[in-house]
Amino acid sequence: MNMIWGLAMAAVGLFMLICGSMKSEFFIYKLLVERSRMAWGEGDAVHRFYQVVGLILVVLGGLWAAGIIWK
């Protein structure tokens, strides 16, 4: 079960990382960005935030899927 949830977490992180890097126009990502602009303001800070969070989720999801953390 850890592998399924870890891979799902890594997939969400990969989505956030790719969309943040490309400044995507995908509907779900645009909704997330608009909600985050209230906290981060205008500019590229929102996209950088999603890149960092995406990278963290990919790493943690991979570790969880491997059974290294959260056994």
PDB file of N, CA and C in Angstrom:
ATOM      1  N   MET A   1       0.818  -1.194   0.000  1.00  0.00           N
ATOM      2  CA  MET A   1       0.000   0.000   0.000  1.00  0.00           C
ATOM      3  C   MET A   1       0.865   1.263   0.000  1.00  0.00           C
ATOM      4  N   ASN A   2       2.026   1.185   0.684  1.00  0.00           N
ATOM      5  CA  ASN A   2       2.918   2.341   0.703  1.00  0.00           C
ATOM      6  C   ASN A   2       3.394   2.705  -0.696  1.00  0.00           C
ATOM      7  N   MET A   3       3.588   1.679  -1.529  1.00  0.00           N
ATOM      8  CA  MET A   3       4.081   1.944  -2.872  1.00  0.00           C
ATOM      9  C   MET A   3       3.042   2.731  -3.679  1.00  0.00           C
ATOM     10  N   ILE A   4       1.777   2.366  -3.543  1.00  0.00           N
ATOM     11  CA  ILE A   4       0.725   3.060  -4.287  1.00  0.00           C
ATOM     12  C   ILE A   4       0.647   4.523  -3.876  1.00  0.00           C
ATOM     13  N   TRP A   5       0.588   4.777  -2.576  1.00  0.00           N
ATOM     14  CA  TRP A   5       0.475   6.162  -2.098  1.00  0.00           C
ATOM     15  C   TRP A   5       1.746   6.959  -2.353  1.00  0.00           C
ATOM     16  N   GLY A   6       2.890   6.306  -2.253  1.00  0.00           N
ATOM     17  CA  GLY A   6       4.151   6.993  -2.545  1.00  0.00           C
ATOM     18  C   GLY A   6       4.256   7.398  -4.001  1.00  0.00           C
ATOM     19  N   LEU A   7       3.850   6.495  -4.895  1.00  0.00           N
ATOM     20  CA  LEU A   7       3.883   6.824  -6.321  1.00  0.00           C
ATOM     21  C   LEU A   7       2.855   7.899  -6.671  1.00  0.00           C
ATOM     22  N   ALA A   8       1.694   7.858  -6.015  1.00  0.00           N
ATOM     23  CA  ALA A   8       0.688   8.908  -6.247  1.00  0.00           C
ATOM     24  C   ALA A   8       1.222  10.268  -5.788  1.00  0.00           C
ATOM     25  N   MET A   9       1.887  10.279  -4.640  1.00  0.00           N
ATOM     26  CA  MET A   9       2.463  11.516  -4.120  1.00  0.00           C
ATOM     27  C   MET A   9       3.559  12.030  -5.056  1.00  0.00           C
ATOM     28  N   ALA A  10       4.387  11.134  -5.556  1.00  0.00           N
ATOM     29  CA  ALA A  10       5.446  11.532  -6.489  1.00  0.00           C
ATOM     30  C   ALA A  10       4.851  12.038  -7.802  1.00  0.00           C
ATOM     31  N   ALA A  11       3.749  11.438  -8.250  1.00  0.00           N
ATOM     32  CA  ALA A  11       3.107  11.879  -9.494  1.00  0.00           C
ATOM     33  C   ALA A  11       2.550  13.292  -9.348  1.00  0.00           C
ATOM     34  N   VAL A  12       1.945  13.589  -8.209  1.00  0.00           N
ATOM     35  CA  VAL A  12       1.437  14.946  -7.965  1.00  0.00           C
ATOM     36  C   VAL A  12       2.603  15.930  -7.921  1.00  0.00           C
ATOM     37  N   GLY A  13       3.689  15.538  -7.271  1.00  0.00           N
ATOM     38  CA  GLY A  13       4.875  16.388  -7.227  1.00  0.00           C
ATOM     39  C   GLY A  13       5.467  16.632  -8.597  1.00  0.00           C
ATOM     40  N   LEU A  14       5.492  15.595  -9.434  1.00  0.00           N
ATOM     41  CA  LEU A  14       6.002  15.735 -10.792  1.00  0.00           C
ATOM     42  C   LEU A  14       5.122  16.677 -11.606  1.00  0.00           C
ATOM     43  N   PHE A  15       3.805  16.550 -11.428  1.00  0.00           N
ATOM     44  CA  PHE A  15       2.866  17.458 -12.093  1.00  0.00           C
ATOM     45  C   PHE A  15       3.152  18.904 -11.696  1.00  0.00           C
ATOM     46  N   MET A  16       3.319  19.154 -10.395  1.00  0.00           N
ATOM     47  CA  MET A  16       3.574  20.517  -9.925  1.00  0.00           C
ATOM     48  C   MET A  16       4.922  21.028 -10.420  1.00  0.00           C
ATOM     49  N   LEU A  17       5.920  20.171 -10.421  1.00  0.00           N
ATOM     50  CA  LEU A  17       7.253  20.566 -10.882  1.00  0.00           C
ATOM     51  C   LEU A  17       7.249  20.923 -12.368  1.00  0.00           C
ATOM     52  N   ILE A  18       6.637  20.094 -13.182  1.00  0.00           N
ATOM     53  CA  ILE A  18       6.603  20.346 -14.627  1.00  0.00           C
ATOM     54  C   ILE A  18       5.768  21.587 -14.943  1.00  0.00           C
ATOM     55  N   CYS A  19       4.586  21.678 -14.338  1.00  0.00           N
ATOM     56  CA  CYS A  19       3.725  22.837 -14.605  1.00  0.00           C
ATOM     57  C   CYS A  19       4.377  24.134 -14.120  1.00  0.00           C
ATOM     58  N   GLY A  20       5.047  24.088 -12.984  1.00  0.00           N
ATOM     59  CA  GLY A  20       5.734  25.272 -12.485  1.00  0.00           C
ATOM     60  C   GLY A  20       6.889  25.690 -13.367  1.00  0.00           C
ATOM     61  N   SER A  21       7.584  24.729 -13.929  1.00  0.00           N
ATOM     62  CA  SER A  21       8.709  25.032 -14.818  1.00  0.00           C
ATOM     63  C   SER A  21       8.240  25.617 -16.146  1.00  0.00           C
ATOM     64  N   MET A  22       7.116  25.088 -16.649  1.00  0.00           N
ATOM     65  CA  MET A  22       6.615  25.528 -17.945  1.00  0.00           C
ATOM     66  C   MET A  22       5.629  26.691 -17.837  1.00  0.00           C
ATOM     67  N   LYS A  23       5.272  27.077 -16.617  1.00  0.00           N
ATOM     68  CA  LYS A  23       4.240  28.090 -16.389  1.00  0.00           C
ATOM     69  C   LYS A  23       3.001  27.717 -17.202  1.00  0.00           C
ATOM     70  N   SER A  24       2.552  26.518 -16.955  1.00  0.00           N
ATOM     71  CA  SER A  24       1.504  25.872 -17.740  1.00  0.00           C
ATOM     72  C   SER A  24       0.182  26.625 -17.699  1.00  0.00           C
ATOM     73  N   GLU A  25      -0.609  26.413 -18.735  1.00  0.00           N
ATOM     74  CA  GLU A  25      -1.957  26.965 -18.830  1.00  0.00           C
ATOM     75  C   GLU A  25      -3.007  25.891 -18.562  1.00  0.00           C
ATOM     76  N   PHE A  26      -2.588  24.752 -18.004  1.00  0.00           N
ATOM     77  CA  PHE A  26      -3.504  23.667 -17.673  1.00  0.00           C
ATOM     78  C   PHE A  26      -4.496  24.155 -16.620  1.00  0.00           C
ATOM     79  N   PHE A  27      -5.758  23.777 -16.783  1.00  0.00           N
ATOM     80  CA  PHE A  27      -6.852  24.309 -15.965  1.00  0.00           C
ATOM     81  C   PHE A  27      -6.605  24.144 -14.461  1.00  0.00           C
ATOM     82  N   ILE A  28      -6.247  22.955 -14.023  1.00  0.00           N
ATOM     83  CA  ILE A  28      -6.055  22.707 -12.590  1.00  0.00           C
ATOM     84  C   ILE A  28      -4.895  23.534 -12.051  1.00  0.00           C
ATOM     85  N   TYR A  29      -3.805  23.605 -12.819  1.00  0.00           N
ATOM     86  CA  TYR A  29      -2.654  24.395 -12.380  1.00  0.00           C
ATOM     87  C   TYR A  29      -3.002  25.878 -12.307  1.00  0.00           C
ATOM     88  N   LYS A  30      -3.783  26.363 -13.273  1.00  0.00           N
ATOM     89  CA  LYS A  30      -4.185  27.774 -13.235  1.00  0.00           C
ATOM     90  C   LYS A  30      -5.018  28.077 -11.993  1.00  0.00           C
ATOM     91  N   LEU A  31      -5.873  27.141 -11.593  1.00  0.00           N
ATOM     92  CA  LEU A  31      -6.654  27.333 -10.360  1.00  0.00           C
ATOM     93  C   LEU A  31      -5.740  27.405  -9.140  1.00  0.00           C
ATOM     94  N   LEU A  32      -4.763  26.520  -9.073  1.00  0.00           N
ATOM     95  CA  LEU A  32      -3.816  26.528  -7.952  1.00  0.00           C
ATOM     96  C   LEU A  32      -3.027  27.836  -7.912  1.00  0.00           C
ATOM     97  N   VAL A  33      -2.575  28.288  -9.080  1.00  0.00           N
ATOM     98  CA  VAL A  33      -1.783  29.517  -9.154  1.00  0.00           C
ATOM     99  C   VAL A  33      -2.608  30.724  -8.705  1.00  0.00           C
ATOM    100  N   GLU A  34      -3.836  30.804  -9.168  1.00  0.00           N
ATOM    101  CA  GLU A  34      -4.673  31.952  -8.789  1.00  0.00           C
ATOM    102  C   GLU A  34      -4.924  31.985  -7.284  1.00  0.00           C
ATOM    103  N   ARG A  35      -5.091  30.811  -6.671  1.00  0.00           N
ATOM    104  CA  ARG A  35      -5.264  30.771  -5.219  1.00  0.00           C
ATOM    105  C   ARG A  35      -3.979  31.179  -4.497  1.00  0.00           C
ATOM    106  N   SER A  36      -2.843  30.812  -5.053  1.00  0.00           N
ATOM    107  CA  SER A  36      -1.560  31.102  -4.418  1.00  0.00           C
ATOM    108  C   SER A  36      -1.123  32.546  -4.596  1.00  0.00           C
ATOM    109  N   ARG A  37      -1.627  33.219  -5.598  1.00  0.00           N
ATOM    110  CA  ARG A  37      -1.239  34.615  -5.827  1.00  0.00           C
ATOM    111  C   ARG A  37      -1.638  35.515  -4.661  1.00  0.00           C
ATOM    112  N   MET A  38      -2.654  35.142  -3.905  1.00  0.00           N
ATOM    113  CA  MET A  38      -3.044  35.933  -2.737  1.00  0.00           C
ATOM    114  C   MET A  38      -1.912  35.985  -1.713  1.00  0.00           C
ATOM    115  N   ALA A  39      -1.192  34.876  -1.581  1.00  0.00           N
ATOM    116  CA  ALA A  39      -0.106  34.818  -0.609  1.00  0.00           C
ATOM    117  C   ALA A  39       1.227  35.281  -1.195  1.00  0.00           C
ATOM    118  N   TRP A  40       1.493  34.942  -2.460  1.00  0.00           N
ATOM    119  CA  TRP A  40       2.795  35.183  -3.062  1.00  0.00           C
ATOM    120  C   TRP A  40       2.853  36.433  -3.919  1.00  0.00           C
ATOM    121  N   GLY A  41       1.710  37.017  -4.259  1.00  0.00           N
ATOM    122  CA  GLY A  41       1.699  38.216  -5.082  1.00  0.00           C
ATOM    123  C   GLY A  41       1.912  37.906  -6.553  1.00  0.00           C
ATOM    124  N   GLU A  42       2.006  38.950  -7.348  1.00  0.00           N
ATOM    125  CA  GLU A  42       2.197  38.791  -8.794  1.00  0.00           C
ATOM    126  C   GLU A  42       3.658  38.449  -9.086  1.00  0.00           C
ATOM    127  N   GLY A  43       3.892  37.919 -10.248  1.00  0.00           N
ATOM    128  CA  GLY A  43       5.258  37.617 -10.663  1.00  0.00           C
ATOM    129  C   GLY A  43       5.520  36.120 -10.691  1.00  0.00           C
ATOM    130  N   ASP A  44       6.801  35.783 -10.759  1.00  0.00           N
ATOM    131  CA  ASP A  44       7.215  34.392 -10.908  1.00  0.00           C
ATOM    132  C   ASP A  44       7.396  33.655  -9.587  1.00  0.00           C
ATOM    133  N   ALA A  45       7.170  34.310  -8.478  1.00  0.00           N
ATOM    134  CA  ALA A  45       7.355  33.656  -7.183  1.00  0.00           C
ATOM    135  C   ALA A  45       6.405  32.478  -7.012  1.00  0.00           C
ATOM    136  N   VAL A  46       5.207  32.567  -7.555  1.00  0.00           N
ATOM    137  CA  VAL A  46       4.235  31.478  -7.434  1.00  0.00           C
ATOM    138  C   VAL A  46       4.733  30.244  -8.174  1.00  0.00           C
ATOM    139  N   HIS A  47       5.256  30.426  -9.372  1.00  0.00           N
ATOM    140  CA  HIS A  47       5.739  29.298 -10.154  1.00  0.00           C
ATOM    141  C   HIS A  47       6.973  28.673  -9.497  1.00  0.00           C
ATOM    142  N   ARG A  48       7.841  29.498  -8.952  1.00  0.00           N
ATOM    143  CA  ARG A  48       9.023  28.992  -8.239  1.00  0.00           C
ATOM    144  C   ARG A  48       8.587  28.186  -7.019  1.00  0.00           C
ATOM    145  N   PHE A  49       7.568  28.648  -6.314  1.00  0.00           N
ATOM    146  CA  PHE A  49       7.012  27.931  -5.167  1.00  0.00           C
ATOM    147  C   PHE A  49       6.550  26.533  -5.590  1.00  0.00           C
ATOM    148  N   TYR A  50       5.825  26.429  -6.704  1.00  0.00           N
ATOM    149  CA  TYR A  50       5.338  25.132  -7.157  1.00  0.00           C
ATOM    150  C   TYR A  50       6.469  24.232  -7.646  1.00  0.00           C
ATOM    151  N   GLN A  51       7.545  24.807  -8.152  1.00  0.00           N
ATOM    152  CA  GLN A  51       8.698  24.004  -8.531  1.00  0.00           C
ATOM    153  C   GLN A  51       9.351  23.383  -7.295  1.00  0.00           C
ATOM    154  N   VAL A  52       9.539  24.183  -6.278  1.00  0.00           N
ATOM    155  CA  VAL A  52      10.183  23.695  -5.053  1.00  0.00           C
ATOM    156  C   VAL A  52       9.307  22.654  -4.358  1.00  0.00           C
ATOM    157  N   VAL A  53       8.022  22.952  -4.208  1.00  0.00           N
ATOM    158  CA  VAL A  53       7.112  22.014  -3.560  1.00  0.00           C
ATOM    159  C   VAL A  53       7.012  20.724  -4.376  1.00  0.00           C
ATOM    160  N   GLY A  54       6.976  20.836  -5.690  1.00  0.00           N
ATOM    161  CA  GLY A  54       6.926  19.653  -6.542  1.00  0.00           C
ATOM    162  C   GLY A  54       8.143  18.769  -6.369  1.00  0.00           C
ATOM    163  N   LEU A  55       9.314  19.375  -6.315  1.00  0.00           N
ATOM    164  CA  LEU A  55      10.543  18.618  -6.114  1.00  0.00           C
ATOM    165  C   LEU A  55      10.536  17.908  -4.767  1.00  0.00           C
ATOM    166  N   ILE A  56      10.107  18.598  -3.728  1.00  0.00           N
ATOM    167  CA  ILE A  56      10.024  17.991  -2.395  1.00  0.00           C
ATOM    168  C   ILE A  56       9.054  16.806  -2.399  1.00  0.00           C
ATOM    169  N   LEU A  57       7.906  16.962  -3.050  1.00  0.00           N
ATOM    170  CA  LEU A  57       6.931  15.871  -3.106  1.00  0.00           C
ATOM    171  C   LEU A  57       7.456  14.678  -3.890  1.00  0.00           C
ATOM    172  N   VAL A  58       8.190  14.912  -4.969  1.00  0.00           N
ATOM    173  CA  VAL A  58       8.767  13.809  -5.735  1.00  0.00           C
ATOM    174  C   VAL A  58       9.739  13.024  -4.870  1.00  0.00           C
ATOM    175  N   VAL A  59      10.598  13.717  -4.155  1.00  0.00           N
ATOM    176  CA  VAL A  59      11.587  13.043  -3.303  1.00  0.00           C
ATOM    177  C   VAL A  59      10.897  12.273  -2.177  1.00  0.00           C
ATOM    178  N   LEU A  60       9.995  12.922  -1.458  1.00  0.00           N
ATOM    179  CA  LEU A  60       9.310  12.249  -0.359  1.00  0.00           C
ATOM    180  C   LEU A  60       8.442  11.091  -0.846  1.00  0.00           C
ATOM    181  N   GLY A  61       7.770  11.259  -1.990  1.00  0.00           N
ATOM    182  CA  GLY A  61       6.966  10.180  -2.555  1.00  0.00           C
ATOM    183  C   GLY A  61       7.819   8.988  -2.952  1.00  0.00           C
ATOM    184  N   GLY A  62       8.972   9.253  -3.528  1.00  0.00           N
ATOM    185  CA  GLY A  62       9.890   8.162  -3.881  1.00  0.00           C
ATOM    186  C   GLY A  62      10.399   7.427  -2.662  1.00  0.00           C
ATOM    187  N   LEU A  63      10.727   8.176  -1.611  1.00  0.00           N
ATOM    188  CA  LEU A  63      11.176   7.526  -0.371  1.00  0.00           C
ATOM    189  C   LEU A  63      10.065   6.724   0.277  1.00  0.00           C
ATOM    190  N   TRP A  64       8.860   7.234   0.223  1.00  0.00           N
ATOM    191  CA  TRP A  64       7.712   6.519   0.788  1.00  0.00           C
ATOM    192  C   TRP A  64       7.424   5.247  -0.004  1.00  0.00           C
ATOM    193  N   ALA A  65       7.472   5.322  -1.329  1.00  0.00           N
ATOM    194  CA  ALA A  65       7.231   4.152  -2.174  1.00  0.00           C
ATOM    195  C   ALA A  65       8.294   3.090  -1.960  1.00  0.00           C
ATOM    196  N   ALA A  66       9.512   3.503  -1.689  1.00  0.00           N
ATOM    197  CA  ALA A  66      10.598   2.559  -1.441  1.00  0.00           C
ATOM    198  C   ALA A  66      10.543   1.964  -0.049  1.00  0.00           C
ATOM    199  N   GLY A  67       9.717   2.515   0.805  1.00  0.00           N
ATOM    200  CA  GLY A  67       9.590   1.997   2.168  1.00  0.00           C
ATOM    201  C   GLY A  67      10.652   2.507   3.116  1.00  0.00           C
ATOM    202  N   ILE A  68      11.341   3.567   2.729  1.00  0.00           N
ATOM    203  CA  ILE A  68      12.417   4.102   3.561  1.00  0.00           C
ATOM    204  C   ILE A  68      11.844   4.950   4.693  1.00  0.00           C
ATOM    205  N   ILE A  69      10.785   5.697   4.401  1.00  0.00           N
ATOM    206  CA  ILE A  69      10.135   6.496   5.436  1.00  0.00           C
ATOM    207  C   ILE A  69       8.678   6.105   5.519  1.00  0.00           C
ATOM    208  N   TRP A  70       8.053   6.392   6.608  1.00  0.00           N
ATOM    209  CA  TRP A  70       6.636   6.122   6.873  1.00  0.00           C
ATOM    210  C   TRP A  70       6.262   4.668   6.639  1.00  0.00           C
ATOM    211  N   LYS A  71       6.910   3.797   7.348  1.00  0.00           N
ATOM    212  CA  LYS A  71       6.633   2.357   7.186  1.00  0.00           C
ATOM    213  C   LYS A  71       5.310   1.985   7.784  1.00  0.00           C
TER     214      LYS A  71
END
